[in-house]
Amino acid sequence: MPFYKDMPLVCRSCGETFIFTAGEQEFYADKGFLNEPTRCPKCRVRRDSSGGRGRREDRKENRS
């Protein structure tokens, strides 16, 4: 059984330090996610609500 502990990470969007909690690490492992989050919770919400996750196909269609 892996041992998780809170670890500080730096957000790639705002540069602030945030804590990747032991509970979040366990959740990520249970879901099979291989990478740590790169954005803090505030920036994740901001990015998701702004539609910042365009799919490749969508971007290709918009090129004209």
C-alpha atoms as a PDB file:
ATOM      1  CA  MET A   1       0.000   0.000   0.000  1.00  0.00           C
ATOM      2  CA  PRO A   2       1.526   3.343  -1.034  1.00  0.00           C
ATOM      3  CA  PHE A   3       2.136   6.005   1.546  1.00  0.00           C
ATOM      4  CA  TYR A   4       0.932   9.475   0.590  1.00  0.00           C
ATOM      5  CA  LYS A   5       1.821  12.749   2.238  1.00  0.00           C
ATOM      6  CA  ASP A   6       0.948  16.348   1.457  1.00  0.00           C
ATOM      7  CA  MET A   7       3.410  17.931  -0.945  1.00  0.00           C
ATOM      8  CA  PRO A   8       3.800  21.494  -2.189  1.00  0.00           C
ATOM      9  CA  LEU A   9       3.612  22.123  -5.940  1.00  0.00           C
ATOM     10  CA  VAL A  10       3.910  25.314  -7.990  1.00  0.00           C
ATOM     11  CA  CYS A  11       1.035  26.284 -10.292  1.00  0.00           C
ATOM     12  CA  ARG A  12       2.121  26.683 -13.919  1.00  0.00           C
ATOM     13  CA  SER A  13      -0.532  29.357 -14.528  1.00  0.00           C
ATOM     14  CA  CYS A  14      -0.181  31.750 -11.589  1.00  0.00           C
ATOM     15  CA  GLY A  15       3.102  30.625  -9.995  1.00  0.00           C
ATOM     16  CA  GLU A  16       1.547  30.209  -6.547  1.00  0.00           C
ATOM     17  CA  THR A  17       2.437  27.264  -4.338  1.00  0.00           C
ATOM     18  CA  PHE A  18      -0.415  24.888  -3.544  1.00  0.00           C
ATOM     19  CA  ILE A  19      -0.653  21.658  -1.594  1.00  0.00           C
ATOM     20  CA  PHE A  20      -1.299  18.368  -3.374  1.00  0.00           C
ATOM     21  CA  THR A  21      -2.889  16.607  -0.413  1.00  0.00           C
ATOM     22  CA  ALA A  22      -2.474  12.968   0.506  1.00  0.00           C
ATOM     23  CA  GLY A  23      -6.187  12.460  -0.194  1.00  0.00           C
ATOM     24  CA  GLU A  24      -5.869  13.980  -3.675  1.00  0.00           C
ATOM     25  CA  GLN A  25      -2.841  11.784  -4.383  1.00  0.00           C
ATOM     26  CA  GLU A  26      -4.818   8.697  -3.407  1.00  0.00           C
ATOM     27  CA  PHE A  27      -7.726   9.828  -5.617  1.00  0.00           C
ATOM     28  CA  TYR A  28      -5.360  10.369  -8.572  1.00  0.00           C
ATOM     29  CA  ALA A  29      -3.831   6.916  -8.047  1.00  0.00           C
ATOM     30  CA  ASP A  30      -7.273   5.269  -7.798  1.00  0.00           C
ATOM     31  CA  LYS A  31      -8.326   6.901 -11.075  1.00  0.00           C
ATOM     32  CA  GLY A  32      -5.102   5.818 -12.774  1.00  0.00           C
ATOM     33  CA  PHE A  33      -3.818   9.363 -13.319  1.00  0.00           C
ATOM     34  CA  LEU A  34      -0.067   9.249 -13.830  1.00  0.00           C
ATOM     35  CA  ASN A  35       0.818  12.945 -13.488  1.00  0.00           C
ATOM     36  CA  GLU A  36       0.540  15.394 -10.630  1.00  0.00           C
ATOM     37  CA  PRO A  37      -1.696  18.421 -11.167  1.00  0.00           C
ATOM     38  CA  THR A  38       0.109  21.351 -12.775  1.00  0.00           C
ATOM     39  CA  ARG A  39      -2.406  24.046 -11.796  1.00  0.00           C
ATOM     40  CA  CYS A  40      -3.716  25.112  -8.399  1.00  0.00           C
ATOM     41  CA  PRO A  41      -7.411  24.530  -7.636  1.00  0.00           C
ATOM     42  CA  LYS A  42      -8.336  28.169  -8.424  1.00  0.00           C
ATOM     43  CA  CYS A  43      -6.620  28.066 -11.826  1.00  0.00           C
ATOM     44  CA  ARG A  44      -8.143  24.650 -12.584  1.00  0.00           C
ATOM     45  CA  VAL A  45     -11.640  26.034 -11.962  1.00  0.00           C
ATOM     46  CA  ARG A  46     -10.866  29.164 -13.977  1.00  0.00           C
ATOM     47  CA  ARG A  47      -9.506  27.117 -16.892  1.00  0.00           C
ATOM     48  CA  ASP A  48     -12.401  24.640 -16.869  1.00  0.00           C
ATOM     49  CA  SER A  49     -15.069  27.359 -16.680  1.00  0.00           C
ATOM     50  CA  SER A  50     -13.492  29.367 -19.517  1.00  0.00           C
ATOM     51  CA  GLY A  51     -13.563  26.379 -21.861  1.00  0.00           C
ATOM     52  CA  GLY A  52      -9.758  26.262 -21.994  1.00  0.00           C
ATOM     53  CA  ARG A  53      -9.663  22.604 -22.910  1.00  0.00           C
ATOM     54  CA  GLY A  54     -10.200  22.791 -26.647  1.00  0.00           C
ATOM     55  CA  ARG A  55      -9.877  19.517 -28.481  1.00  0.00           C
ATOM     56  CA  ARG A  56      -7.432  19.224 -31.319  1.00  0.00           C
ATOM     57  CA  GLU A  57     -10.204  18.582 -33.825  1.00  0.00           C
ATOM     58  CA  ASP A  58     -12.018  21.754 -32.720  1.00  0.00           C
ATOM     59  CA  ARG A  59      -8.892  23.858 -33.194  1.00  0.00           C
ATOM     60  CA  LYS A  60      -8.254  22.424 -36.656  1.00  0.00           C
ATOM     61  CA  GLU A  61     -11.805  23.215 -37.774  1.00  0.00           C
ATOM     62  CA  ASN A  62     -11.497  26.822 -36.669  1.00  0.00           C
ATOM     63  CA  ARG A  63      -8.407  27.435 -38.836  1.00  0.00           C
ATOM     64  CA  SER A  64      -9.409  29.113 -42.063  1.00  0.00           C
END
